[in-house]
Amino acid sequence: MDLYRIIRELVQERDRLTLIIQSLEEHSGAGRGRKRGPAARRGRKSMDRAARQQVSERMKRYWEKRRAQKAGM
């Protein structure tokens, strides 16, 4: 068993596979150097003043009902 020959063949196979992977990535556009589109906006959507007021009123009614249920128990 020639250990050095086996290692050399494995290294050649690795290099061949690396070239194939790079070629496929370039062809598909999945490579590291690919330009990306604009970054997606993250986080919460902003609400205008009227929407905040509606949410505020709705939550006030919600908590009023919760307090009334708790007091009635």
PDB file of N, CA and C in Angstrom:
ATOM      1  N   MET A   1       0.848  -1.179   0.000  1.00  0.00           N
ATOM      2  CA  MET A   1       0.000   0.000   0.000  1.00  0.00           C
ATOM      3  C   MET A   1       0.892   1.240   0.000  1.00  0.00           C
ATOM      4  N   ASP A   2       0.742   2.030  -1.039  1.00  0.00           N
ATOM      5  CA  ASP A   2       1.531   3.243  -1.188  1.00  0.00           C
ATOM      6  C   ASP A   2       0.720   4.415  -0.651  1.00  0.00           C
ATOM      7  N   LEU A   3       0.987   4.796   0.580  1.00  0.00           N
ATOM      8  CA  LEU A   3       0.228   5.834   1.268  1.00  0.00           C
ATOM      9  C   LEU A   3       0.339   7.178   0.551  1.00  0.00           C
ATOM     10  N   TYR A   4       1.517   7.515   0.076  1.00  0.00           N
ATOM     11  CA  TYR A   4       1.726   8.803  -0.591  1.00  0.00           C
ATOM     12  C   TYR A   4       0.941   8.885  -1.898  1.00  0.00           C
ATOM     13  N   ARG A   5       0.838   7.763  -2.618  1.00  0.00           N
ATOM     14  CA  ARG A   5       0.070   7.733  -3.861  1.00  0.00           C
ATOM     15  C   ARG A   5      -1.414   7.960  -3.562  1.00  0.00           C
ATOM     16  N   ILE A   6      -1.915   7.333  -2.507  1.00  0.00           N
ATOM     17  CA  ILE A   6      -3.325   7.489  -2.117  1.00  0.00           C
ATOM     18  C   ILE A   6      -3.611   8.933  -1.727  1.00  0.00           C
ATOM     19  N   ILE A   7      -2.712   9.521  -0.951  1.00  0.00           N
ATOM     20  CA  ILE A   7      -2.888  10.925  -0.543  1.00  0.00           C
ATOM     21  C   ILE A   7      -2.881  11.830  -1.763  1.00  0.00           C
ATOM     22  N   ARG A   8      -1.953  11.609  -2.689  1.00  0.00           N
ATOM     23  CA  ARG A   8      -1.850  12.434  -3.894  1.00  0.00           C
ATOM     24  C   ARG A   8      -3.139  12.328  -4.713  1.00  0.00           C
ATOM     25  N   GLU A   9      -3.669  11.125  -4.853  1.00  0.00           N
ATOM     26  CA  GLU A   9      -4.905  10.942  -5.612  1.00  0.00           C
ATOM     27  C   GLU A   9      -6.088  11.622  -4.928  1.00  0.00           C
ATOM     28  N   LEU A  10      -6.129  11.528  -3.611  1.00  0.00           N
ATOM     29  CA  LEU A  10      -7.215  12.189  -2.878  1.00  0.00           C
ATOM     30  C   LEU A  10      -7.137  13.702  -3.013  1.00  0.00           C
ATOM     31  N   VAL A  11      -5.944  14.262  -2.964  1.00  0.00           N
ATOM     32  CA  VAL A  11      -5.773  15.706  -3.118  1.00  0.00           C
ATOM     33  C   VAL A  11      -6.187  16.129  -4.527  1.00  0.00           C
ATOM     34  N   GLN A  12      -5.827  15.344  -5.539  1.00  0.00           N
ATOM     35  CA  GLN A  12      -6.233  15.655  -6.903  1.00  0.00           C
ATOM     36  C   GLN A  12      -7.756  15.599  -7.052  1.00  0.00           C
ATOM     37  N   GLU A  13      -8.360  14.627  -6.430  1.00  0.00           N
ATOM     38  CA  GLU A  13      -9.817  14.513  -6.473  1.00  0.00           C
ATOM     39  C   GLU A  13     -10.482  15.701  -5.774  1.00  0.00           C
ATOM     40  N   ARG A  14      -9.921  16.109  -4.634  1.00  0.00           N
ATOM     41  CA  ARG A  14     -10.451  17.274  -3.916  1.00  0.00           C
ATOM     42  C   ARG A  14     -10.356  18.522  -4.784  1.00  0.00           C
ATOM     43  N   ASP A  15      -9.212  18.725  -5.429  1.00  0.00           N
ATOM     44  CA  ASP A  15      -9.026  19.893  -6.288  1.00  0.00           C
ATOM     45  C   ASP A  15     -10.009  19.877  -7.456  1.00  0.00           C
ATOM     46  N   ARG A  16     -10.229  18.699  -8.033  1.00  0.00           N
ATOM     47  CA  ARG A  16     -11.154  18.563  -9.147  1.00  0.00           C
ATOM     48  C   ARG A  16     -12.574  18.911  -8.694  1.00  0.00           C
ATOM     49  N   LEU A  17     -12.975  18.414  -7.519  1.00  0.00           N
ATOM     50  CA  LEU A  17     -14.309  18.714  -6.996  1.00  0.00           C
ATOM     51  C   LEU A  17     -14.465  20.188  -6.660  1.00  0.00           C
ATOM     52  N   THR A  18     -13.411  20.803  -6.146  1.00  0.00           N
ATOM     53  CA  THR A  18     -13.454  22.235  -5.838  1.00  0.00           C
ATOM     54  C   THR A  18     -13.705  23.046  -7.103  1.00  0.00           C
ATOM     55  N   LEU A  19     -13.023  22.690  -8.178  1.00  0.00           N
ATOM     56  CA  LEU A  19     -13.225  23.398  -9.452  1.00  0.00           C
ATOM     57  C   LEU A  19     -14.642  23.208  -9.976  1.00  0.00           C
ATOM     58  N   ILE A  20     -15.159  22.009  -9.849  1.00  0.00           N
ATOM     59  CA  ILE A  20     -16.532  21.744 -10.303  1.00  0.00           C
ATOM     60  C   ILE A  20     -17.525  22.564  -9.491  1.00  0.00           C
ATOM     61  N   ILE A  21     -17.344  22.613  -8.166  1.00  0.00           N
ATOM     62  CA  ILE A  21     -18.250  23.380  -7.296  1.00  0.00           C
ATOM     63  C   ILE A  21     -18.192  24.861  -7.643  1.00  0.00           C
ATOM     64  N   GLN A  22     -16.985  25.400  -7.847  1.00  0.00           N
ATOM     65  CA  GLN A  22     -16.851  26.811  -8.199  1.00  0.00           C
ATOM     66  C   GLN A  22     -17.540  27.112  -9.526  1.00  0.00           C
ATOM     67  N   SER A  23     -17.370  26.216 -10.472  1.00  0.00           N
ATOM     68  CA  SER A  23     -17.995  26.413 -11.778  1.00  0.00           C
ATOM     69  C   SER A  23     -19.519  26.419 -11.653  1.00  0.00           C
ATOM     70  N   LEU A  24     -20.061  25.504 -10.867  1.00  0.00           N
ATOM     71  CA  LEU A  24     -21.506  25.448 -10.683  1.00  0.00           C
ATOM     72  C   LEU A  24     -22.029  26.678  -9.950  1.00  0.00           C
ATOM     73  N   GLU A  25     -21.281  27.154  -8.964  1.00  0.00           N
ATOM     74  CA  GLU A  25     -21.710  28.350  -8.229  1.00  0.00           C
ATOM     75  C   GLU A  25     -21.724  29.565  -9.143  1.00  0.00           C
ATOM     76  N   GLU A  26     -20.707  29.696  -9.982  1.00  0.00           N
ATOM     77  CA  GLU A  26     -20.667  30.831 -10.907  1.00  0.00           C
ATOM     78  C   GLU A  26     -21.811  30.753 -11.910  1.00  0.00           C
ATOM     79  N   HIS A  27     -22.091  29.563 -12.367  1.00  0.00           N
ATOM     80  CA  HIS A  27     -23.155  29.372 -13.347  1.00  0.00           C
ATOM     81  C   HIS A  27     -24.534  29.682 -12.748  1.00  0.00           C
ATOM     82  N   SER A  28     -24.739  29.283 -11.493  1.00  0.00           N
ATOM     83  CA  SER A  28     -26.044  29.476 -10.864  1.00  0.00           C
ATOM     84  C   SER A  28     -26.177  30.836 -10.201  1.00  0.00           C
ATOM     85  N   GLY A  29     -25.092  31.569 -10.079  1.00  0.00           N
ATOM     86  CA  GLY A  29     -25.140  32.867  -9.414  1.00  0.00           C
ATOM     87  C   GLY A  29     -25.118  32.755  -7.912  1.00  0.00           C
ATOM     88  N   ALA A  30     -24.760  31.596  -7.374  1.00  0.00           N
ATOM     89  CA  ALA A  30     -24.757  31.384  -5.931  1.00  0.00           C
ATOM     90  C   ALA A  30     -23.383  31.618  -5.320  1.00  0.00           C
ATOM     91  N   GLY A  31     -22.471  32.159  -6.074  1.00  0.00           N
ATOM     92  CA  GLY A  31     -21.114  32.363  -5.563  1.00  0.00           C
ATOM     93  C   GLY A  31     -21.053  33.463  -4.533  1.00  0.00           C
ATOM     94  N   ARG A  32     -19.963  33.552  -3.870  1.00  0.00           N
ATOM     95  CA  ARG A  32     -19.798  34.557  -2.812  1.00  0.00           C
ATOM     96  C   ARG A  32     -19.747  35.969  -3.352  1.00  0.00           C
ATOM     97  N   GLY A  33     -19.271  36.138  -4.568  1.00  0.00           N
ATOM     98  CA  GLY A  33     -19.128  37.472  -5.133  1.00  0.00           C
ATOM     99  C   GLY A  33     -20.397  38.005  -5.759  1.00  0.00           C
ATOM    100  N   ARG A  34     -21.481  37.284  -5.630  1.00  0.00           N
ATOM    101  CA  ARG A  34     -22.742  37.678  -6.248  1.00  0.00           C
ATOM    102  C   ARG A  34     -23.292  38.948  -5.617  1.00  0.00           C
ATOM    103  N   LYS A  35     -23.769  39.830  -6.453  1.00  0.00           N
ATOM    104  CA  LYS A  35     -24.387  41.059  -5.949  1.00  0.00           C
ATOM    105  C   LYS A  35     -25.787  40.738  -5.469  1.00  0.00           C
ATOM    106  N   ARG A  36     -26.133  41.284  -4.354  1.00  0.00           N
ATOM    107  CA  ARG A  36     -27.466  41.064  -3.807  1.00  0.00           C
ATOM    108  C   ARG A  36     -28.331  42.280  -4.059  1.00  0.00           C
ATOM    109  N   GLY A  37     -29.617  42.056  -4.037  1.00  0.00           N
ATOM    110  CA  GLY A  37     -30.560  43.138  -4.231  1.00  0.00           C
ATOM    111  C   GLY A  37     -30.602  44.019  -2.989  1.00  0.00           C
ATOM    112  N   PRO A  38     -31.485  44.972  -2.973  1.00  0.00           N
ATOM    113  CA  PRO A  38     -31.590  45.847  -1.800  1.00  0.00           C
ATOM    114  C   PRO A  38     -31.991  45.042  -0.564  1.00  0.00           C
ATOM    115  N   ALA A  39     -31.460  45.462   0.564  1.00  0.00           N
ATOM    116  CA  ALA A  39     -31.741  44.752   1.814  1.00  0.00           C
ATOM    117  C   ALA A  39     -33.222  44.852   2.153  1.00  0.00           C
ATOM    118  N   ALA A  40     -33.763  43.762   2.597  1.00  0.00           N
ATOM    119  CA  ALA A  40     -35.171  43.745   2.982  1.00  0.00           C
ATOM    120  C   ALA A  40     -35.354  44.560   4.256  1.00  0.00           C
ATOM    121  N   ARG A  41     -36.444  45.284   4.336  1.00  0.00           N
ATOM    122  CA  ARG A  41     -36.725  46.085   5.519  1.00  0.00           C
ATOM    123  C   ARG A  41     -37.104  45.159   6.656  1.00  0.00           C
ATOM    124  N   ARG A  42     -36.518  45.400   7.804  1.00  0.00           N
ATOM    125  CA  ARG A  42     -36.789  44.547   8.945  1.00  0.00           C
ATOM    126  C   ARG A  42     -37.455  45.368  10.043  1.00  0.00           C
ATOM    127  N   GLY A  43     -38.052  44.689  10.960  1.00  0.00           N
ATOM    128  CA  GLY A  43     -38.656  45.366  12.093  1.00  0.00           C
ATOM    129  C   GLY A  43     -40.139  45.571  11.899  1.00  0.00           C
ATOM    130  N   ARG A  44     -40.681  46.325  12.788  1.00  0.00           N
ATOM    131  CA  ARG A  44     -42.124  46.572  12.749  1.00  0.00           C
ATOM    132  C   ARG A  44     -42.472  47.642  11.739  1.00  0.00           C
ATOM    133  N   LYS A  45     -43.695  47.551  11.264  1.00  0.00           N
ATOM    134  CA  LYS A  45     -44.191  48.596  10.378  1.00  0.00           C
ATOM    135  C   LYS A  45     -44.575  49.786  11.245  1.00  0.00           C
ATOM    136  N   SER A  46     -44.399  50.961  10.718  1.00  0.00           N
ATOM    137  CA  SER A  46     -44.778  52.141  11.488  1.00  0.00           C
ATOM    138  C   SER A  46     -46.258  52.435  11.279  1.00  0.00           C
ATOM    139  N   MET A  47     -46.862  53.005  12.309  1.00  0.00           N
ATOM    140  CA  MET A  47     -48.284  53.361  12.230  1.00  0.00           C
ATOM    141  C   MET A  47     -48.402  54.872  12.220  1.00  0.00           C
ATOM    142  N   ASP A  48     -49.405  55.346  11.529  1.00  0.00           N
ATOM    143  CA  ASP A  48     -49.652  56.777  11.571  1.00  0.00           C
ATOM    144  C   ASP A  48     -50.404  57.122  12.864  1.00  0.00           C
ATOM    145  N   ARG A  49     -50.604  58.382  13.095  1.00  0.00           N
ATOM    146  CA  ARG A  49     -51.214  58.842  14.345  1.00  0.00           C
ATOM    147  C   ARG A  49     -52.620  58.277  14.544  1.00  0.00           C
ATOM    148  N   ALA A  50     -53.406  58.223  13.476  1.00  0.00           N
ATOM    149  CA  ALA A  50     -54.780  57.724  13.573  1.00  0.00           C
ATOM    150  C   ALA A  50     -54.792  56.236  13.935  1.00  0.00           C
ATOM    151  N   ALA A  51     -53.901  55.471  13.355  1.00  0.00           N
ATOM    152  CA  ALA A  51     -53.846  54.039  13.649  1.00  0.00           C
ATOM    153  C   ALA A  51     -53.443  53.806  15.104  1.00  0.00           C
ATOM    154  N   ARG A  52     -52.479  54.582  15.596  1.00  0.00           N
ATOM    155  CA  ARG A  52     -52.074  54.457  17.006  1.00  0.00           C
ATOM    156  C   ARG A  52     -53.234  54.790  17.934  1.00  0.00           C
ATOM    157  N   GLN A  53     -54.001  55.803  17.582  1.00  0.00           N
ATOM    158  CA  GLN A  53     -55.147  56.203  18.398  1.00  0.00           C
ATOM    159  C   GLN A  53     -56.196  55.089  18.428  1.00  0.00           C
ATOM    160  N   GLN A  54     -56.443  54.458  17.294  1.00  0.00           N
ATOM    161  CA  GLN A  54     -57.407  53.358  17.240  1.00  0.00           C
ATOM    162  C   GLN A  54     -56.948  52.189  18.109  1.00  0.00           C
ATOM    163  N   VAL A  55     -55.679  51.863  18.027  1.00  0.00           N
ATOM    164  CA  VAL A  55     -55.149  50.766  18.842  1.00  0.00           C
ATOM    165  C   VAL A  55     -55.265  51.121  20.315  1.00  0.00           C
ATOM    166  N   SER A  56     -54.952  52.360  20.642  1.00  0.00           N
ATOM    167  CA  SER A  56     -55.031  52.802  22.032  1.00  0.00           C
ATOM    168  C   SER A  56     -56.450  52.655  22.575  1.00  0.00           C
ATOM    169  N   GLU A  57     -57.432  53.110  21.823  1.00  0.00           N
ATOM    170  CA  GLU A  57     -58.821  52.998  22.265  1.00  0.00           C
ATOM    171  C   GLU A  57     -59.249  51.538  22.401  1.00  0.00           C
ATOM    172  N   ARG A  58     -58.876  50.732  21.443  1.00  0.00           N
ATOM    173  CA  ARG A  58     -59.219  49.307  21.486  1.00  0.00           C
ATOM    174  C   ARG A  58     -58.604  48.634  22.709  1.00  0.00           C
ATOM    175  N   MET A  59     -57.363  48.949  23.027  1.00  0.00           N
ATOM    176  CA  MET A  59     -56.710  48.331  24.181  1.00  0.00           C
ATOM    177  C   MET A  59     -57.302  48.841  25.494  1.00  0.00           C
ATOM    178  N   LYS A  60     -57.725  50.091  25.546  1.00  0.00           N
ATOM    179  CA  LYS A  60     -58.383  50.610  26.746  1.00  0.00           C
ATOM    180  C   LYS A  60     -59.672  49.838  27.021  1.00  0.00           C
ATOM    181  N   ARG A  61     -60.471  49.613  25.956  1.00  0.00           N
ATOM    182  CA  ARG A  61     -61.698  48.834  26.119  1.00  0.00           C
ATOM    183  C   ARG A  61     -61.382  47.402  26.556  1.00  0.00           C
ATOM    184  N   TYR A  62     -60.341  46.808  25.962  1.00  0.00           N
ATOM    185  CA  TYR A  62     -59.940  45.442  26.295  1.00  0.00           C
ATOM    186  C   TYR A  62     -59.603  45.330  27.785  1.00  0.00           C
ATOM    187  N   TRP A  63     -58.771  46.247  28.291  1.00  0.00           N
ATOM    188  CA  TRP A  63     -58.348  46.166  29.686  1.00  0.00           C
ATOM    189  C   TRP A  63     -59.493  46.513  30.642  1.00  0.00           C
ATOM    190  N   GLU A  64     -60.400  47.380  30.215  1.00  0.00           N
ATOM    191  CA  GLU A  64     -61.577  47.649  31.041  1.00  0.00           C
ATOM    192  C   GLU A  64     -62.378  46.373  31.247  1.00  0.00           C
ATOM    193  N   LYS A  65     -62.600  45.637  30.171  1.00  0.00           N
ATOM    194  CA  LYS A  65     -63.345  44.378  30.265  1.00  0.00           C
ATOM    195  C   LYS A  65     -62.605  43.373  31.140  1.00  0.00           C
ATOM    196  N   ARG A  66     -61.296  43.294  31.000  1.00  0.00           N
ATOM    197  CA  ARG A  66     -60.515  42.352  31.806  1.00  0.00           C
ATOM    198  C   ARG A  66     -60.609  42.689  33.292  1.00  0.00           C
ATOM    199  N   ARG A  67     -60.512  43.975  33.615  1.00  0.00           N
ATOM    200  CA  ARG A  67     -60.622  44.382  35.021  1.00  0.00           C
ATOM    201  C   ARG A  67     -62.008  44.068  35.570  1.00  0.00           C
ATOM    202  N   ALA A  68     -63.033  44.317  34.743  1.00  0.00           N
ATOM    203  CA  ALA A  68     -64.413  44.061  35.180  1.00  0.00           C
ATOM    204  C   ALA A  68     -64.618  42.558  35.403  1.00  0.00           C
ATOM    205  N   GLN A  69     -64.075  41.717  34.543  1.00  0.00           N
ATOM    206  CA  GLN A  69     -64.207  40.269  34.726  1.00  0.00           C
ATOM    207  C   GLN A  69     -63.485  39.819  35.979  1.00  0.00           C
ATOM    208  N   LYS A  70     -62.312  40.373  36.225  1.00  0.00           N
ATOM    209  CA  LYS A  70     -61.530  39.984  37.393  1.00  0.00           C
ATOM    210  C   LYS A  70     -62.251  40.437  38.690  1.00  0.00           C
ATOM    211  N   ALA A  71     -62.855  41.622  38.672  1.00  0.00           N
ATOM    212  CA  ALA A  71     -63.556  42.124  39.844  1.00  0.00           C
ATOM    213  C   ALA A  71     -64.847  41.323  40.077  1.00  0.00           C
ATOM    214  N   GLY A  72     -65.442  40.829  39.008  1.00  0.00           N
ATOM    215  CA  GLY A  72     -66.694  40.066  39.128  1.00  0.00           C
ATOM    216  C   GLY A  72     -66.495  38.644  39.598  1.00  0.00           C
ATOM    217  N   MET A  73     -65.308  38.145  39.598  1.00  0.00           N
ATOM    218  CA  MET A  73     -65.069  36.752  40.003  1.00  0.00           C
ATOM    219  C   MET A  73     -65.196  36.576  41.458  1.00  0.00           C
TER     220      MET A  73
END
